[in-house]
Amino acid sequence: MTTTTRPAAGRRGGASVLGVLFGVYLVLLVWLVLWKLQLPWEAVPVQRSLKLVPFVAAEGYGANAAREVAGNVAVFVPFGLGLARLRPRFGWWRIAAAAAGLSAGLELAQFALAVGHTDLTDVLTNTAGALLGTVLAGRRRRNPLVESARST
């Protein structure tokens, strides 16, 4: 009398839903960063600037506002959370590298398309947001209440 359980099938279904949600998040993230949630073909004034000194006023640009910094952190928390849940074997450094690469790519795209202000601060704060999401995913995964609920 051997009974078989299939936890892997349930995990695969959850992972595929999470994967779809993560994909939707990435599309919305690109739309937010590049076009500020406007339609890409709408007339947008040409904006091309480059700020390489993070957080402080430099090169003719003002210091970053606290609200902007907090927004950049917040918008990348789901990136860290999602990637940590989809790829649990990824280390925090790999997720940070992926976030930094995506953020740098989006900043360069803003510059190339002349649709925003390219700022090193954004890359740093976006990466910090992804790391925060990674920490939150790790805490959720190690929560004893969640583990005991799963075992019942």
C-alpha atoms as a PDB file:
ATOM      1  CA  MET A   1       0.000   0.000   0.000  1.00  0.00           C
ATOM      2  CA  THR A   2       2.136   2.742  -1.250  1.00  0.00           C
ATOM      3  CA  THR A   3       0.600   6.150  -1.581  1.00  0.00           C
ATOM      4  CA  THR A   4       2.132   8.670  -3.847  1.00  0.00           C
ATOM      5  CA  THR A   5       1.978  12.375  -3.387  1.00  0.00           C
ATOM      6  CA  ARG A   6       2.664  14.844  -6.095  1.00  0.00           C
ATOM      7  CA  PRO A   7       3.889  18.078  -4.560  1.00  0.00           C
ATOM      8  CA  ALA A   8       5.972  18.843  -7.635  1.00  0.00           C
ATOM      9  CA  ALA A   9       2.873  19.178  -9.820  1.00  0.00           C
ATOM     10  CA  GLY A  10       1.401  21.777  -7.460  1.00  0.00           C
ATOM     11  CA  ARG A  11       4.672  23.653  -7.404  1.00  0.00           C
ATOM     12  CA  ARG A  12       4.888  23.665 -11.167  1.00  0.00           C
ATOM     13  CA  GLY A  13       1.408  25.173 -11.436  1.00  0.00           C
ATOM     14  CA  GLY A  14       2.260  27.854  -8.881  1.00  0.00           C
ATOM     15  CA  ALA A  15       5.566  28.553 -10.582  1.00  0.00           C
ATOM     16  CA  SER A  16       3.898  28.984 -13.963  1.00  0.00           C
ATOM     17  CA  VAL A  17       1.377  31.452 -12.533  1.00  0.00           C
ATOM     18  CA  LEU A  18       4.204  33.304 -10.809  1.00  0.00           C
ATOM     19  CA  GLY A  19       6.166  33.267 -14.073  1.00  0.00           C
ATOM     20  CA  VAL A  20       3.255  34.838 -15.967  1.00  0.00           C
ATOM     21  CA  LEU A  21       2.786  37.466 -13.261  1.00  0.00           C
ATOM     22  CA  PHE A  22       6.519  38.198 -13.302  1.00  0.00           C
ATOM     23  CA  GLY A  23       6.387  38.617 -17.092  1.00  0.00           C
ATOM     24  CA  VAL A  24       3.474  41.061 -16.788  1.00  0.00           C
ATOM     25  CA  TYR A  25       5.405  42.945 -14.104  1.00  0.00           C
ATOM     26  CA  LEU A  26       8.450  43.225 -16.403  1.00  0.00           C
ATOM     27  CA  VAL A  27       6.326  44.612 -19.249  1.00  0.00           C
ATOM     28  CA  LEU A  28       4.768  47.170 -16.902  1.00  0.00           C
ATOM     29  CA  LEU A  29       8.207  48.019 -15.503  1.00  0.00           C
ATOM     30  CA  VAL A  30       9.588  48.785 -18.957  1.00  0.00           C
ATOM     31  CA  TRP A  31       6.487  50.837 -19.772  1.00  0.00           C
ATOM     32  CA  LEU A  32       6.845  52.749 -16.493  1.00  0.00           C
ATOM     33  CA  VAL A  33      10.560  53.468 -16.827  1.00  0.00           C
ATOM     34  CA  LEU A  34      10.664  54.336 -20.507  1.00  0.00           C
ATOM     35  CA  TRP A  35       7.295  55.967 -21.134  1.00  0.00           C
ATOM     36  CA  LYS A  36       6.040  56.871 -17.632  1.00  0.00           C
ATOM     37  CA  LEU A  37       2.872  54.814 -18.309  1.00  0.00           C
ATOM     38  CA  GLN A  38       2.006  56.866 -21.399  1.00  0.00           C
ATOM     39  CA  LEU A  39       1.563  55.507 -24.890  1.00  0.00           C
ATOM     40  CA  PRO A  40       4.966  55.263 -26.611  1.00  0.00           C
ATOM     41  CA  TRP A  41       3.791  56.902 -29.815  1.00  0.00           C
ATOM     42  CA  GLU A  42       2.366  59.986 -28.094  1.00  0.00           C
ATOM     43  CA  ALA A  43       4.357  63.156 -28.604  1.00  0.00           C
ATOM     44  CA  VAL A  44       6.881  63.202 -25.781  1.00  0.00           C
ATOM     45  CA  PRO A  45       9.341  66.080 -25.496  1.00  0.00           C
ATOM     46  CA  VAL A  46      12.912  65.016 -26.134  1.00  0.00           C
ATOM     47  CA  GLN A  47      14.688  64.503 -22.819  1.00  0.00           C
ATOM     48  CA  ARG A  48      18.270  63.390 -22.863  1.00  0.00           C
ATOM     49  CA  SER A  49      20.485  63.952 -19.867  1.00  0.00           C
ATOM     50  CA  LEU A  50      23.174  61.971 -18.115  1.00  0.00           C
ATOM     51  CA  LYS A  51      23.936  62.191 -14.383  1.00  0.00           C
ATOM     52  CA  LEU A  52      26.848  60.015 -13.295  1.00  0.00           C
ATOM     53  CA  VAL A  53      27.252  61.259  -9.713  1.00  0.00           C
ATOM     54  CA  PRO A  54      24.644  59.525  -7.558  1.00  0.00           C
ATOM     55  CA  PHE A  55      22.394  61.169  -4.963  1.00  0.00           C
ATOM     56  CA  VAL A  56      23.948  64.652  -4.946  1.00  0.00           C
ATOM     57  CA  ALA A  57      23.620  67.723  -7.119  1.00  0.00           C
ATOM     58  CA  ALA A  58      26.204  67.436  -9.889  1.00  0.00           C
ATOM     59  CA  GLU A  59      26.839  68.332 -13.505  1.00  0.00           C
ATOM     60  CA  GLY A  60      24.069  70.896 -13.529  1.00  0.00           C
ATOM     61  CA  TYR A  61      21.446  68.528 -12.095  1.00  0.00           C
ATOM     62  CA  GLY A  62      19.869  68.755  -8.682  1.00  0.00           C
ATOM     63  CA  ALA A  63      20.064  66.203  -5.897  1.00  0.00           C
ATOM     64  CA  ASN A  64      17.635  63.321  -6.104  1.00  0.00           C
ATOM     65  CA  ALA A  65      14.410  63.858  -4.183  1.00  0.00           C
ATOM     66  CA  ALA A  66      13.700  61.393  -1.376  1.00  0.00           C
ATOM     67  CA  ARG A  67      10.347  60.553  -2.968  1.00  0.00           C
ATOM     68  CA  GLU A  68      12.034  59.645  -6.258  1.00  0.00           C
ATOM     69  CA  VAL A  69      14.624  57.478  -4.500  1.00  0.00           C
ATOM     70  CA  ALA A  70      11.921  55.679  -2.492  1.00  0.00           C
ATOM     71  CA  GLY A  71       9.888  55.141  -5.660  1.00  0.00           C
ATOM     72  CA  ASN A  72      12.865  53.597  -7.448  1.00  0.00           C
ATOM     73  CA  VAL A  73      13.436  51.221  -4.533  1.00  0.00           C
ATOM     74  CA  ALA A  74       9.754  50.284  -4.351  1.00  0.00           C
ATOM     75  CA  VAL A  75       9.332  49.597  -8.063  1.00  0.00           C
ATOM     76  CA  PHE A  76      12.124  46.987  -8.030  1.00  0.00           C
ATOM     77  CA  VAL A  77      11.056  45.123  -4.856  1.00  0.00           C
ATOM     78  CA  PRO A  78       8.788  42.829  -6.942  1.00  0.00           C
ATOM     79  CA  PHE A  79      11.770  42.069  -9.202  1.00  0.00           C
ATOM     80  CA  GLY A  80      13.781  40.679  -6.284  1.00  0.00           C
ATOM     81  CA  LEU A  81      10.775  38.931  -4.788  1.00  0.00           C
ATOM     82  CA  GLY A  82       9.746  37.336  -8.066  1.00  0.00           C
ATOM     83  CA  LEU A  83      13.203  36.248  -9.141  1.00  0.00           C
ATOM     84  CA  ALA A  84      13.963  34.820  -5.685  1.00  0.00           C
ATOM     85  CA  ARG A  85      10.738  32.794  -5.789  1.00  0.00           C
ATOM     86  CA  LEU A  86      11.141  31.673  -9.411  1.00  0.00           C
ATOM     87  CA  ARG A  87      14.837  30.816  -9.057  1.00  0.00           C
ATOM     88  CA  PRO A  88      15.336  29.836  -5.396  1.00  0.00           C
ATOM     89  CA  ARG A  89      18.874  28.611  -6.067  1.00  0.00           C
ATOM     90  CA  PHE A  90      19.990  32.060  -7.229  1.00  0.00           C
ATOM     91  CA  GLY A  91      22.139  33.795  -4.657  1.00  0.00           C
ATOM     92  CA  TRP A  92      21.409  37.359  -3.625  1.00  0.00           C
ATOM     93  CA  TRP A  93      24.401  38.535  -5.641  1.00  0.00           C
ATOM     94  CA  ARG A  94      22.989  36.983  -8.830  1.00  0.00           C
ATOM     95  CA  ILE A  95      19.644  38.697  -8.311  1.00  0.00           C
ATOM     96  CA  ALA A  96      21.454  41.980  -7.600  1.00  0.00           C
ATOM     97  CA  ALA A  97      23.468  41.577 -10.804  1.00  0.00           C
ATOM     98  CA  ALA A  98      20.308  40.877 -12.812  1.00  0.00           C
ATOM     99  CA  ALA A  99      18.573  43.921 -11.319  1.00  0.00           C
ATOM    100  CA  ALA A 100      21.587  46.149 -11.942  1.00  0.00           C
ATOM    101  CA  GLY A 101      21.855  44.891 -15.516  1.00  0.00           C
ATOM    102  CA  LEU A 102      18.160  45.427 -16.227  1.00  0.00           C
ATOM    103  CA  SER A 103      18.196  48.853 -14.613  1.00  0.00           C
ATOM    104  CA  ALA A 104      21.341  49.925 -16.488  1.00  0.00           C
ATOM    105  CA  GLY A 105      19.804  48.668 -19.723  1.00  0.00           C
ATOM    106  CA  LEU A 106      16.638  50.675 -19.109  1.00  0.00           C
ATOM    107  CA  GLU A 107      18.652  53.780 -18.254  1.00  0.00           C
ATOM    108  CA  LEU A 108      20.684  53.415 -21.447  1.00  0.00           C
ATOM    109  CA  ALA A 109      17.473  52.905 -23.427  1.00  0.00           C
ATOM    110  CA  GLN A 110      16.114  56.147 -21.940  1.00  0.00           C
ATOM    111  CA  PHE A 111      19.215  57.940 -23.117  1.00  0.00           C
ATOM    112  CA  ALA A 112      19.215  56.354 -26.583  1.00  0.00           C
ATOM    113  CA  LEU A 113      15.501  57.016 -27.121  1.00  0.00           C
ATOM    114  CA  ALA A 114      15.707  60.482 -25.515  1.00  0.00           C
ATOM    115  CA  VAL A 115      12.716  59.708 -23.295  1.00  0.00           C
ATOM    116  CA  GLY A 116      14.098  60.425 -19.850  1.00  0.00           C
ATOM    117  CA  HIS A 117      16.914  61.341 -17.568  1.00  0.00           C
ATOM    118  CA  THR A 118      19.677  58.748 -17.302  1.00  0.00           C
ATOM    119  CA  ASP A 119      20.880  58.688 -13.699  1.00  0.00           C
ATOM    120  CA  LEU A 120      23.294  56.370 -11.909  1.00  0.00           C
ATOM    121  CA  THR A 121      21.230  56.884  -8.751  1.00  0.00           C
ATOM    122  CA  ASP A 122      18.372  55.007 -10.412  1.00  0.00           C
ATOM    123  CA  VAL A 123      20.564  51.965 -11.059  1.00  0.00           C
ATOM    124  CA  LEU A 124      21.740  51.921  -7.438  1.00  0.00           C
ATOM    125  CA  THR A 125      18.289  52.399  -5.904  1.00  0.00           C
ATOM    126  CA  ASN A 126      16.661  49.904  -8.266  1.00  0.00           C
ATOM    127  CA  THR A 127      19.273  47.319  -7.284  1.00  0.00           C
ATOM    128  CA  ALA A 128      18.641  48.083  -3.609  1.00  0.00           C
ATOM    129  CA  GLY A 129      14.923  47.523  -4.186  1.00  0.00           C
ATOM    130  CA  ALA A 130      15.572  44.139  -5.779  1.00  0.00           C
ATOM    131  CA  LEU A 131      17.770  43.173  -2.823  1.00  0.00           C
ATOM    132  CA  LEU A 132      14.998  44.203  -0.443  1.00  0.00           C
ATOM    133  CA  GLY A 133      12.600  41.990  -2.393  1.00  0.00           C
ATOM    134  CA  THR A 134      15.094  39.125  -2.152  1.00  0.00           C
ATOM    135  CA  VAL A 135      15.260  39.561   1.632  1.00  0.00           C
ATOM    136  CA  LEU A 136      11.458  39.605   1.861  1.00  0.00           C
ATOM    137  CA  ALA A 137      11.236  36.424  -0.229  1.00  0.00           C
ATOM    138  CA  GLY A 138      13.785  34.722   2.006  1.00  0.00           C
ATOM    139  CA  ARG A 139      11.928  35.710   5.167  1.00  0.00           C
ATOM    140  CA  ARG A 140       8.666  34.418   3.765  1.00  0.00           C
ATOM    141  CA  ARG A 141      10.287  31.152   2.758  1.00  0.00           C
ATOM    142  CA  ARG A 142      11.770  30.609   6.236  1.00  0.00           C
ATOM    143  CA  ASN A 143       8.678  31.656   8.180  1.00  0.00           C
ATOM    144  CA  PRO A 144       7.866  28.823  10.641  1.00  0.00           C
ATOM    145  CA  LEU A 145       4.133  29.575  10.431  1.00  0.00           C
ATOM    146  CA  VAL A 146       4.194  29.094   6.671  1.00  0.00           C
ATOM    147  CA  GLU A 147       6.228  25.884   7.012  1.00  0.00           C
ATOM    148  CA  SER A 148       3.855  24.425   9.624  1.00  0.00           C
ATOM    149  CA  ALA A 149       0.820  25.277   7.462  1.00  0.00           C
ATOM    150  CA  ARG A 150       2.402  23.486   4.525  1.00  0.00           C
ATOM    151  CA  SER A 151       3.042  20.335   6.537  1.00  0.00           C
ATOM    152  CA  THR A 152      -0.606  19.983   7.635  1.00  0.00           C
END
